[in-house]
Amino acid sequence: MEFSFFREDATVPSMQDFLLAGGVVVGFFVLFCLIKFGARFLLARLGKGASLKKDFLVILSGLSWYSGVSVALFCGNLFLPFVKWIHVVFSGFFVVALVIELSGILKFFLKVVMEKGFAHQDTKTKKNLTEILNTLLQILIWILAALIFFDTVGVAITPLLASLGVGGIAVAFASQKLIEDFFSSFSIMGSSPFRIGDIITIKDTTGTVKKIGLRSTTLLTVEDKSIIIPNRLLVAEIIENSGTIKVRRKRFSLTITYETPLEKVRQIPKLLEQIIGKHKDVGFEWAVLRDLQASCLEIYVSYVINNDDWLNATQLHSKILEEILEKFAEEKIDFAYPTQTLRLKK
C-alpha cells in the first residue's frame, strides 16, 4: 500500500484501506476512552481533598469527546488515500483539539510550578505571574499548532522557520531593553525582593508596590503619584524593602539646653517611657543621656512598634513626637538649637 497524504487522483479507497483506517480510528478511540474513564475511576477512589495528583486526574477525566473523535479520525485519515481537501479538514479538527487539550495540560503544569517554585510569593503576585505565563503558553501553543497544521497539509515550514529566526534576531536587537525588562520581571517575581503591597525605596523614590508587570513596576507614593520604574533598573539597583519588617524599631535624638536642671534631665527617661508606653502595640526600650554636645545635651530614645504597617507606624511616631513637645513644654524643658556664646574680655 502506498502512503500518500495528498493523492489528487485518488479514487474510491480499497477495502484494505478502510479496514486499516477503521482499525486505527477504533484503536485510538478505545485508548482515549481508557484514559478518560480510568481517570474518573481513580478520581473516585481518591475521595475528597485537594492535591496535584487529583487535579491532573480531573484534567484527564475532562478530556472532551470532540478531541477524542478528532484525534482518532485524523490518525485514521493518514491511512486513507483521500483527496487533499478532506485531509485538510481533518487536520483542522486535529489542530483545534490539540490546542484545547494542550492548554489544559499546560495550565496544570503551570499550577505545579507556581505552587512548588513560588510558594513564598503572596497570592496577588502569584496570580499576576500565572496570567503572564499563561498568556505566553497560549501564544506558543497556537504557534506550535499552526506549524503542525502547515506541515501536515504540505506547506514547507523550513523557509518559514528560517525567516522567523532571522526576523527574531532583528527584533531582539531592536527591542533589547524591552526584552531585558521582560526577563527582569521573572527575576523579580522568582527571587521576590518585594511583593505587591510592600513599601520600597529605590534611590530617592519611596512608594507602595501596586503592580509588577512584564515591562515595569508601578509604585504609589504618599502623594498619590504613580511612579513607573523599568524592571531592569529594579534588578540592578539596591532596594530598601520596608514591607518585610514585622517589628519596626524607632530610634531618634532629642536635644535640650544646658540650662536644664540635672534633676529634670534625670526625669526625662521616665517621662518618655510614660508617653511612649501608653500606646497600643508599642514597647518602650530605653532613653539615655547620650552625649554632651557643643550647644546641647543629647537624649537618645528607642522603642519598637509591633505592627508591619509602615503608614500606621509613621503616624504613630508623629503622634508621640507631638506628645513629647506638649509634655516638655508643661515641664518647662527647653529644646536646644545651634547657638554660640561669645565672651568678650575687657
Protein backbone atom coordinates (compact mmCIF):
# COMPACT_ATOMS: atom_id res chain seq x y z
CA MET A 1 0.00 0.00 0.00
CA GLU A 2 1.31 3.44 -0.91
CA PHE A 3 1.11 6.01 1.90
CA SER A 4 0.41 9.42 0.40
CA PHE A 5 -1.40 12.22 2.17
CA PHE A 6 -2.30 14.17 -0.96
CA ARG A 7 -3.27 11.89 -3.82
CA GLU A 8 -5.27 14.24 -6.02
CA ASP A 9 -6.09 11.43 -8.43
CA ALA A 10 -7.38 9.16 -5.69
CA THR A 11 -10.42 7.05 -6.42
CA VAL A 12 -12.54 5.05 -4.03
CA PRO A 13 -10.28 3.57 -1.31
CA SER A 14 -9.91 -0.18 -1.25
CA MET A 15 -11.42 -2.40 1.43
CA GLN A 16 -7.94 -2.90 2.86
CA ASP A 17 -7.57 0.88 3.22
CA PHE A 18 -10.89 1.16 5.03
CA LEU A 19 -10.12 -1.73 7.37
CA LEU A 20 -6.71 -0.34 8.27
CA ALA A 21 -8.04 3.18 8.79
CA GLY A 22 -11.03 1.88 10.75
CA GLY A 23 -8.75 -0.16 12.99
CA VAL A 24 -6.61 2.90 13.70
CA VAL A 25 -9.69 5.03 14.47
CA VAL A 26 -11.15 2.40 16.81
CA GLY A 27 -7.78 1.80 18.47
CA PHE A 28 -7.17 5.48 19.21
CA PHE A 29 -10.76 5.99 20.37
CA VAL A 30 -10.56 2.99 22.73
CA LEU A 31 -7.28 4.36 24.11
CA PHE A 32 -8.96 7.72 24.62
CA CYS A 33 -11.87 6.09 26.49
CA LEU A 34 -9.49 4.09 28.69
CA ILE A 35 -7.64 7.27 29.67
CA LYS A 36 -10.84 9.25 30.30
CA PHE A 37 -12.76 6.61 32.26
CA GLY A 38 -9.64 5.31 34.00
CA ALA A 39 -9.00 8.82 35.32
CA ARG A 40 -12.61 9.03 36.54
CA PHE A 41 -12.25 5.69 38.34
CA LEU A 42 -9.03 6.75 40.08
CA LEU A 43 -10.57 10.11 40.90
CA ALA A 44 -13.50 8.43 42.64
CA ARG A 45 -11.11 6.32 44.74
CA LEU A 46 -9.13 9.35 45.90
CA GLY A 47 -12.20 10.83 47.57
CA LYS A 48 -12.40 14.39 48.83
CA GLY A 49 -9.49 16.72 49.36
CA ALA A 50 -7.22 18.75 47.12
CA SER A 51 -3.94 17.52 45.63
CA LEU A 52 -1.91 17.93 42.46
CA LYS A 53 -2.50 14.26 41.58
CA LYS A 54 -6.23 14.80 41.83
CA ASP A 55 -6.03 17.94 39.69
CA PHE A 56 -4.21 16.03 36.96
CA LEU A 57 -6.83 13.27 37.02
CA VAL A 58 -9.54 15.93 36.73
CA ILE A 59 -7.87 17.17 33.53
CA LEU A 60 -7.69 13.64 32.06
CA SER A 61 -11.27 12.81 33.03
CA GLY A 62 -12.41 16.08 31.48
CA LEU A 63 -10.95 15.38 28.03
CA SER A 64 -13.63 16.36 25.52
CA TRP A 65 -15.29 13.83 23.24
CA TYR A 66 -14.64 16.24 20.39
CA SER A 67 -10.90 15.89 20.97
CA GLY A 68 -11.07 12.11 21.17
CA VAL A 69 -13.05 11.80 17.95
CA SER A 70 -10.91 14.40 16.13
CA VAL A 71 -7.62 12.71 17.03
CA ALA A 72 -8.95 9.26 16.12
CA LEU A 73 -10.29 10.45 12.74
CA PHE A 74 -7.10 12.35 11.96
CA CYS A 75 -4.92 9.31 12.66
CA GLY A 76 -7.22 7.06 10.65
CA ASN A 77 -7.25 9.54 7.77
CA LEU A 78 -3.48 9.19 7.44
CA PHE A 79 -4.06 5.68 6.09
CA LEU A 80 -6.71 6.64 3.53
CA PRO A 81 -5.84 7.99 0.06
CA PHE A 82 -8.44 10.77 0.22
CA VAL A 83 -8.23 13.94 -1.78
CA LYS A 84 -6.35 16.88 -0.36
CA TRP A 85 -9.23 18.99 0.94
CA ILE A 86 -10.60 16.15 3.07
CA HIS A 87 -7.23 15.73 4.73
CA VAL A 88 -7.06 19.49 5.36
CA VAL A 89 -10.45 19.38 7.12
CA PHE A 90 -9.39 16.51 9.41
CA SER A 91 -6.10 18.32 10.10
CA GLY A 92 -8.02 21.43 11.12
CA PHE A 93 -10.14 19.42 13.58
CA PHE A 94 -6.99 17.84 14.98
CA VAL A 95 -5.23 21.20 15.49
CA VAL A 96 -8.23 22.66 17.35
CA ALA A 97 -8.38 19.58 19.58
CA LEU A 98 -4.64 19.84 20.21
CA VAL A 99 -4.95 23.47 21.30
CA ILE A 100 -7.89 22.74 23.63
CA GLU A 101 -6.33 19.80 25.45
CA LEU A 102 -2.74 21.05 25.47
CA SER A 103 -3.92 24.29 27.06
CA GLY A 104 -5.50 22.39 29.95
CA ILE A 105 -2.45 20.17 30.50
CA LEU A 106 0.00 23.08 30.42
CA LYS A 107 -2.19 25.04 32.84
CA PHE A 108 -1.88 22.11 35.24
CA PHE A 109 1.92 22.03 34.98
CA LEU A 110 1.95 25.81 35.39
CA LYS A 111 -0.02 25.38 38.60
CA VAL A 112 2.52 22.83 39.83
CA VAL A 113 5.39 25.21 39.08
CA MET A 114 3.65 28.08 40.88
CA GLU A 115 2.87 26.01 43.97
CA LYS A 116 6.31 24.42 44.23
CA GLY A 117 8.66 27.08 42.89
CA PHE A 118 6.85 30.22 44.02
CA ALA A 119 5.37 29.09 47.33
CA HIS A 120 6.97 32.09 49.06
CA GLN A 121 5.05 34.56 46.91
CA ASP A 122 1.82 36.19 48.03
CA THR A 123 -1.47 35.41 46.28
CA LYS A 124 -1.59 38.62 44.22
CA THR A 125 1.92 38.18 42.86
CA LYS A 126 1.35 34.51 42.01
CA LYS A 127 -1.88 35.41 40.22
CA ASN A 128 -0.07 38.11 38.24
CA LEU A 129 2.76 35.76 37.27
CA THR A 130 0.31 32.97 36.39
CA GLU A 131 -1.56 35.27 34.00
CA ILE A 132 1.69 36.30 32.31
CA LEU A 133 2.95 32.73 31.87
CA ASN A 134 -0.47 31.51 30.77
CA THR A 135 -0.57 34.15 28.02
CA LEU A 136 2.90 33.14 26.81
CA LEU A 137 1.95 29.46 26.81
CA GLN A 138 -1.20 30.17 24.80
CA ILE A 139 0.86 32.01 22.19
CA LEU A 140 3.37 29.15 21.99
CA ILE A 141 0.57 26.57 21.70
CA TRP A 142 -1.05 28.41 18.79
CA ILE A 143 2.31 28.80 17.03
CA LEU A 144 3.01 25.08 17.50
CA ALA A 145 -0.49 24.17 16.29
CA ALA A 146 -0.11 26.37 13.20
CA LEU A 147 3.25 24.79 12.34
CA ILE A 148 1.81 21.29 12.74
CA PHE A 149 -1.15 22.20 10.53
CA PHE A 150 1.01 23.72 7.78
CA ASP A 151 3.41 20.79 7.85
CA THR A 152 0.56 18.28 7.74
CA VAL A 153 -1.20 19.86 4.75
CA GLY A 154 2.04 20.03 2.78
CA VAL A 155 3.24 23.61 3.31
CA ALA A 156 7.04 23.77 3.60
CA ILE A 157 7.76 25.20 7.05
CA THR A 158 11.59 25.18 6.85
CA PRO A 159 11.78 28.52 4.94
CA LEU A 160 9.16 29.91 7.31
CA LEU A 161 11.19 28.92 10.38
CA ALA A 162 14.35 30.35 8.81
CA SER A 163 12.66 33.68 8.11
CA LEU A 164 11.22 33.74 11.62
CA GLY A 165 14.70 33.11 13.02
CA VAL A 166 16.25 35.99 11.07
CA GLY A 167 13.34 38.25 11.95
CA GLY A 168 13.58 37.24 15.60
CA ILE A 169 17.26 38.22 15.76
CA ALA A 170 16.47 41.62 14.23
CA VAL A 171 13.61 42.19 16.66
CA ALA A 172 15.81 41.12 19.59
CA PHE A 173 18.44 43.74 18.73
CA ALA A 174 15.80 46.43 18.22
CA SER A 175 13.98 45.57 21.46
CA GLN A 176 16.95 44.80 23.68
CA LYS A 177 15.76 46.92 26.60
CA LEU A 178 12.20 45.61 26.34
CA ILE A 179 13.49 42.03 26.43
CA GLU A 180 15.71 42.88 29.40
CA ASP A 181 12.68 44.33 31.21
CA PHE A 182 10.67 41.22 30.35
CA PHE A 183 13.16 38.75 31.82
CA SER A 184 13.79 41.05 34.78
CA SER A 185 10.10 40.74 35.68
CA PHE A 186 10.56 36.96 36.11
CA SER A 187 13.66 37.58 38.21
CA ILE A 188 11.68 39.92 40.47
CA MET A 189 8.77 37.51 40.83
CA GLY A 190 11.02 34.49 41.29
CA SER A 191 13.51 35.88 43.83
CA SER A 192 10.82 38.05 45.47
CA PRO A 193 12.86 41.07 46.64
CA PHE A 194 9.47 42.73 47.14
CA ARG A 195 5.80 41.93 46.73
CA ILE A 196 2.65 43.79 45.80
CA GLY A 197 1.73 45.93 48.79
CA ASP A 198 5.31 46.33 50.08
CA ILE A 199 6.79 49.78 50.63
CA ILE A 200 10.16 50.02 48.92
CA THR A 201 12.79 52.69 48.38
CA ILE A 202 14.94 52.78 45.26
CA LYS A 203 17.40 55.65 45.11
CA ASP A 204 15.32 58.68 46.21
CA THR A 205 11.91 57.19 45.40
CA THR A 206 9.70 55.60 48.05
CA GLY A 207 6.28 54.10 47.40
CA THR A 208 3.92 51.16 47.72
CA VAL A 209 4.22 48.44 45.06
CA LYS A 210 0.91 48.41 43.19
CA LYS A 211 1.73 46.34 40.11
CA ILE A 212 4.55 44.14 38.83
CA GLY A 213 4.20 43.98 35.07
CA LEU A 214 6.11 42.44 32.18
CA ARG A 215 7.94 45.67 31.42
CA SER A 216 7.75 47.81 34.54
CA THR A 217 6.74 48.03 38.19
CA THR A 218 4.35 50.71 39.45
CA LEU A 219 4.83 52.44 42.80
CA LEU A 220 2.31 54.71 44.52
CA THR A 221 3.90 57.44 46.64
CA VAL A 222 2.40 59.05 49.74
CA GLU A 223 1.44 61.98 47.48
CA ASP A 224 -0.68 59.54 45.39
CA LYS A 225 1.71 59.82 42.46
CA SER A 226 2.24 56.75 40.26
CA ILE A 227 5.92 56.10 39.62
CA ILE A 228 6.65 53.63 36.80
CA ILE A 229 10.12 52.05 37.01
CA PRO A 230 11.55 49.72 34.30
CA ASN A 231 12.16 46.26 35.74
CA ARG A 232 15.79 46.19 34.58
CA LEU A 233 16.55 49.13 36.91
CA LEU A 234 14.93 47.38 39.87
CA VAL A 235 17.11 44.32 39.32
CA ALA A 236 20.29 46.40 39.05
CA GLU A 237 19.71 48.84 41.93
CA ILE A 238 19.83 48.46 45.72
CA ILE A 239 16.27 48.24 47.08
CA GLU A 240 15.23 49.02 50.64
CA ASN A 241 12.11 46.99 51.40
CA SER A 242 10.15 48.19 54.41
CA GLY A 243 7.38 45.70 53.72
CA THR A 244 9.36 42.74 55.10
CA ILE A 245 9.67 44.34 58.54
CA LYS A 246 7.31 42.78 61.08
CA VAL A 247 8.51 44.78 64.11
CA ARG A 248 9.54 48.37 63.48
CA ARG A 249 12.17 49.95 65.72
CA LYS A 250 12.29 53.72 66.04
CA ARG A 251 15.38 55.49 67.33
CA PHE A 252 15.75 59.25 67.47
CA SER A 253 17.52 62.02 69.35
CA LEU A 254 16.18 64.88 71.45
CA THR A 255 18.40 67.86 72.24
CA ILE A 256 17.81 70.02 75.31
CA THR A 257 19.59 73.09 76.61
CA TYR A 258 22.43 73.09 79.14
CA GLU A 259 20.26 75.29 81.34
CA THR A 260 18.01 72.30 82.07
CA PRO A 261 18.42 71.33 85.77
CA LEU A 262 20.11 67.97 86.37
CA GLU A 263 17.07 66.73 88.26
CA LYS A 264 14.91 67.40 85.19
CA VAL A 265 17.43 65.59 82.97
CA ARG A 266 17.17 62.52 85.22
CA GLN A 267 13.37 62.59 84.97
CA ILE A 268 13.31 62.64 81.15
CA PRO A 269 13.66 58.81 80.62
CA LYS A 270 10.69 58.25 82.95
CA LEU A 271 8.62 60.90 81.16
CA LEU A 272 9.39 59.37 77.77
CA GLU A 273 8.51 55.88 79.00
CA GLN A 274 5.11 57.17 80.15
CA ILE A 275 4.45 58.94 76.84
CA ILE A 276 5.56 56.09 74.56
CA GLY A 277 4.44 53.11 76.63
CA LYS A 278 0.78 54.11 76.81
CA HIS A 279 0.27 53.49 73.08
CA LYS A 280 -1.07 50.15 71.86
CA ASP A 281 1.42 47.71 70.28
CA VAL A 282 4.35 49.93 71.34
CA GLY A 283 7.20 48.81 73.57
CA PHE A 284 9.49 51.38 75.18
CA GLU A 285 13.14 50.23 75.23
CA TRP A 286 15.30 52.99 76.65
CA ALA A 287 16.14 56.69 76.81
CA VAL A 288 19.67 57.72 77.81
CA LEU A 289 21.82 60.82 78.01
CA ARG A 290 23.95 60.04 75.01
CA ASP A 291 26.29 62.98 74.57
CA LEU A 292 27.32 66.41 75.78
CA GLN A 293 27.46 68.32 72.56
CA ALA A 294 28.80 71.81 71.95
CA SER A 295 25.45 73.54 72.36
CA CYS A 296 23.10 70.93 73.82
CA LEU A 297 22.51 67.74 75.78
CA GLU A 298 21.55 64.80 73.54
CA ILE A 299 18.92 62.32 74.74
CA TYR A 300 18.80 59.13 72.65
CA VAL A 301 15.46 57.26 72.56
CA SER A 302 14.46 53.80 71.31
CA TYR A 303 11.13 51.99 71.10
CA VAL A 304 9.51 49.26 68.98
CA ILE A 305 6.16 49.07 67.20
CA ASN A 306 4.66 45.59 66.87
CA ASN A 307 3.00 46.41 63.57
CA ASP A 308 4.12 45.89 59.97
CA ASP A 309 2.04 48.80 58.63
CA TRP A 310 4.51 51.48 57.54
CA LEU A 311 1.93 54.26 57.33
CA ASN A 312 0.48 53.40 60.73
CA ALA A 313 3.98 53.40 62.26
CA THR A 314 4.77 56.80 60.71
CA GLN A 315 1.54 58.33 62.01
CA LEU A 316 2.12 56.84 65.46
CA HIS A 317 5.65 58.26 65.62
CA SER A 318 4.29 61.68 64.67
CA LYS A 319 1.73 61.43 67.49
CA ILE A 320 4.45 60.50 70.00
CA LEU A 321 6.57 63.50 68.97
CA GLU A 322 3.59 65.82 69.45
CA GLU A 323 3.04 64.43 72.95
CA ILE A 324 6.74 64.88 73.77
CA LEU A 325 6.55 68.53 72.71
CA GLU A 326 3.46 69.02 74.86
CA LYS A 327 4.93 67.28 77.92
CA PHE A 328 8.30 69.07 77.72
CA ALA A 329 6.52 72.43 77.45
CA GLU A 330 4.49 71.52 80.54
CA GLU A 331 7.66 70.54 82.45
CA LYS A 332 9.48 73.66 81.18
CA ILE A 333 12.19 71.61 79.46
CA ASP A 334 13.56 73.64 76.57
CA PHE A 335 14.76 72.12 73.33
CA ALA A 336 18.15 73.29 72.13
CA TYR A 337 19.08 74.72 68.79
CA PRO A 338 22.56 75.53 67.45
CA THR A 339 23.91 78.53 69.37
CA GLN A 340 27.29 80.03 70.15
CA THR A 341 28.20 82.10 73.19
CA LEU A 342 30.75 84.83 72.60
CA ARG A 343 32.61 86.06 75.67
CA LEU A 344 34.48 89.34 75.40
CA LYS A 345 37.38 90.20 77.70
CA LYS A 346 37.95 93.81 78.62
